[in-house]
Amino acid sequence: MEFLPETIGLLDAALLVGASFFTSFLSASMGLGGGVTLLAVMAQVMPALAIVPVHGVVQLGSNAGRVFLMREHINWRIVAYFFGGSLVGGLVGGQIVVTLPAATLQLVLGLFILFTLWGPMPKPSADSKGMGIVATSGVLSTLLTMFVGATGPFVAVVIKLFGLSRFAHVGTFSACLVTQHSIKIIVFGILGFAFGAYVPLMVAMVGTGFMGTWAGRHFLVKSTDERFGRWLNIILSLLAARLLWKAAEGLLG
């Protein structure tokens, strides 16, 4: 078996493996941002049809590493409701979403993130209403991830509404994404995507991703909940601005 697909050179592979470390460090230390950043790097060197499924496998491995390292901090009730919603989103698949332009989805997602960060959003509790918000986010984000690849900012902004500590936020967010990426990989497998050619590359990226997660966790230990929340708001706002920029390019271009 070839170690790399014909469309990916050795330097490109090295770039992807290094990017996996950096983006996992970013997600572990700042709470999110790594998935979107890695997707942007992959889009530069990989075939278009392979980006989303391969990204899903790498992100599954990266988030699973964070779940393992922060397992004692995870709010499993939130994860359970998110998983239930994700199953519904996965069963529906991309049939509804693929009929919409990508720019429309990016516009809605970007505006939603900015509103939940800076608008008059109530803080949900752990009651049935709060868990309903989580389940709904599972449905919508799983539908969206089949189309746009990385919906981490959408999931993170919902988790952020619960006001969890920095370790609980990162752990719960990562556990939610593990369920989402698992469902996405199964769906792509059913649809016939050939993961085999990318196995060595994915293994290497998952490996460096775990090292990045380990390094990011040590950085997180030295932070505080207040500083973490401030940086989380900044990163989410920047990612929302990027979505709006991409939406404007698509709608006006």
Foldseek 3Di string as FASTA:
>chain_A
DDLAPPQADPVLLVVLLVLLLVLLLCCLQQVHDSLVVSLVSCVVRDDPVVSQLLSLLLLLLLLVLLLVVLVVLAPVLLLVLLLLLLVLLLVVAQPPVVVDDLLVVLLVLLVVLVCLLPNPDAQDESDPVLSVLSSPLSNVVLNVCNPPRDPLLSNLSSLVSNVGASSHSSNHSSSSSSSSSVSSNVSVVVVPDDCVNCVSSSVSSSVSSSVSSVNSNVSNVPDGRVVSVVSNSVSSNVVSVVSNVVSCVVVVD
